[in-house]
Amino acid sequence: MSDRECLDWIKTYLVYDEESESPTLFKVWMAIGTIASALERKCYIKWKRDTIYPNLYIVLTGPPGCRKGTAMRPAKQFLDKIGVNLSAKLSRVRR
């Protein structure tokens, strides 16, 4: 038996968001994106002279009203709760 509360993050995320009308494929990609976002630049692989970070650029595509935003909402709530920044913060330029 594992000490982990969540043995499979993606399956658990799908159960958590099962009432949503979003397509399952959108939910799977939001679960993957949530993991990658939470890792930030804290995890990496050294490959020869390079450092590889788990950066993902996920784009949900579909016609208007296909629940892209509905799929993104729970993922963003998770990331907000644990304090993950979703974009670089730019400092204001004084004029």
Protein backbone atom coordinates (compact mmCIF):
# COMPACT_ATOMS: atom_id res chain seq x y z
CA MET A 1 0.00 0.00 0.00
CA SER A 2 1.29 3.45 -0.87
CA ASP A 3 1.35 6.46 1.44
CA ARG A 4 0.20 8.62 -1.44
CA GLU A 5 -3.36 9.91 -1.28
CA CYS A 6 -3.62 10.07 -5.06
CA LEU A 7 -2.11 7.10 -6.86
CA ASP A 8 -2.96 8.37 -10.35
CA TRP A 9 -3.30 12.14 -10.65
CA ILE A 10 -4.94 12.14 -14.08
CA LYS A 11 -7.58 9.53 -13.20
CA THR A 12 -8.29 11.29 -9.91
CA TYR A 13 -8.60 14.64 -11.68
CA LEU A 14 -11.07 13.11 -14.16
CA VAL A 15 -13.18 11.78 -11.28
CA TYR A 16 -12.99 15.20 -9.57
CA ASP A 17 -14.22 16.92 -12.75
CA GLU A 18 -16.64 14.23 -13.94
CA GLU A 19 -19.74 16.44 -13.61
CA SER A 20 -18.30 18.95 -16.08
CA GLU A 21 -19.67 19.03 -19.62
CA SER A 22 -16.20 19.42 -21.11
CA PRO A 23 -14.88 16.70 -23.43
CA THR A 24 -12.71 14.12 -21.66
CA LEU A 25 -9.75 14.95 -23.91
CA PHE A 26 -9.83 18.57 -22.71
CA LYS A 27 -9.91 17.39 -19.10
CA VAL A 28 -6.97 15.03 -19.63
CA TRP A 29 -4.86 17.84 -21.10
CA MET A 30 -5.80 20.16 -18.24
CA ALA A 31 -4.69 17.47 -15.76
CA ILE A 32 -1.36 17.11 -17.59
CA GLY A 33 -0.97 20.89 -17.75
CA THR A 34 -1.69 21.22 -14.03
CA ILE A 35 1.12 18.79 -13.23
CA ALA A 36 3.58 20.58 -15.51
CA SER A 37 2.61 23.99 -14.10
CA ALA A 38 2.98 22.82 -10.51
CA LEU A 39 6.49 21.55 -11.27
CA GLU A 40 7.48 25.03 -12.45
CA ARG A 41 11.26 25.14 -12.90
CA LYS A 42 11.89 23.07 -9.78
CA CYS A 43 12.23 19.85 -11.77
CA TYR A 44 14.49 19.35 -14.74
CA ILE A 45 16.63 16.86 -16.60
CA LYS A 46 20.28 17.50 -17.35
CA TRP A 47 20.97 16.30 -20.88
CA LYS A 48 24.57 16.72 -21.91
CA ARG A 49 25.02 20.51 -21.82
CA ASP A 50 21.31 21.31 -21.79
CA THR A 51 18.78 21.61 -19.02
CA ILE A 52 15.30 20.45 -20.01
CA TYR A 53 12.29 21.74 -18.07
CA PRO A 54 8.77 20.26 -18.26
CA ASN A 55 7.35 23.30 -20.07
CA LEU A 56 4.14 22.67 -21.96
CA TYR A 57 2.15 24.98 -24.17
CA ILE A 58 -1.34 23.54 -24.33
CA VAL A 59 -3.96 24.97 -26.66
CA LEU A 60 -7.50 23.68 -26.50
CA THR A 61 -9.11 24.14 -29.89
CA GLY A 62 -12.71 23.76 -30.87
CA PRO A 63 -15.76 25.70 -31.99
CA PRO A 64 -17.34 28.31 -29.72
CA GLY A 65 -19.31 26.76 -26.88
CA CYS A 66 -17.46 23.42 -26.80
CA ARG A 67 -16.54 23.99 -23.11
CA LYS A 68 -12.87 24.92 -23.44
CA GLY A 69 -13.17 27.45 -20.61
CA THR A 70 -15.15 24.99 -18.51
CA ALA A 71 -12.26 22.52 -18.84
CA MET A 72 -9.69 25.14 -17.79
CA ARG A 73 -11.50 26.45 -14.72
CA PRO A 74 -10.79 23.57 -12.25
CA ALA A 75 -7.12 23.40 -13.30
CA LYS A 76 -6.70 27.12 -12.71
CA GLN A 77 -8.39 26.82 -9.31
CA PHE A 78 -5.91 24.10 -8.27
CA LEU A 79 -2.95 26.20 -9.39
CA ASP A 80 -4.29 29.37 -7.72
CA LYS A 81 -4.77 27.48 -4.46
CA ILE A 82 -1.15 26.30 -4.36
CA GLY A 83 0.21 29.65 -5.54
CA VAL A 84 1.52 28.79 -9.00
CA ASN A 85 2.03 31.73 -11.35
CA LEU A 86 0.70 31.02 -14.82
CA SER A 87 2.71 33.73 -16.55
CA ALA A 88 5.74 35.87 -15.95
CA LYS A 89 5.04 38.96 -13.93
CA LEU A 90 6.20 42.06 -15.73
CA SER A 91 7.25 45.07 -13.72
CA ARG A 92 5.65 48.34 -14.65
CA VAL A 93 7.76 50.78 -16.56
CA ARG A 94 7.77 54.30 -15.11
CA ARG A 95 7.18 57.06 -17.57
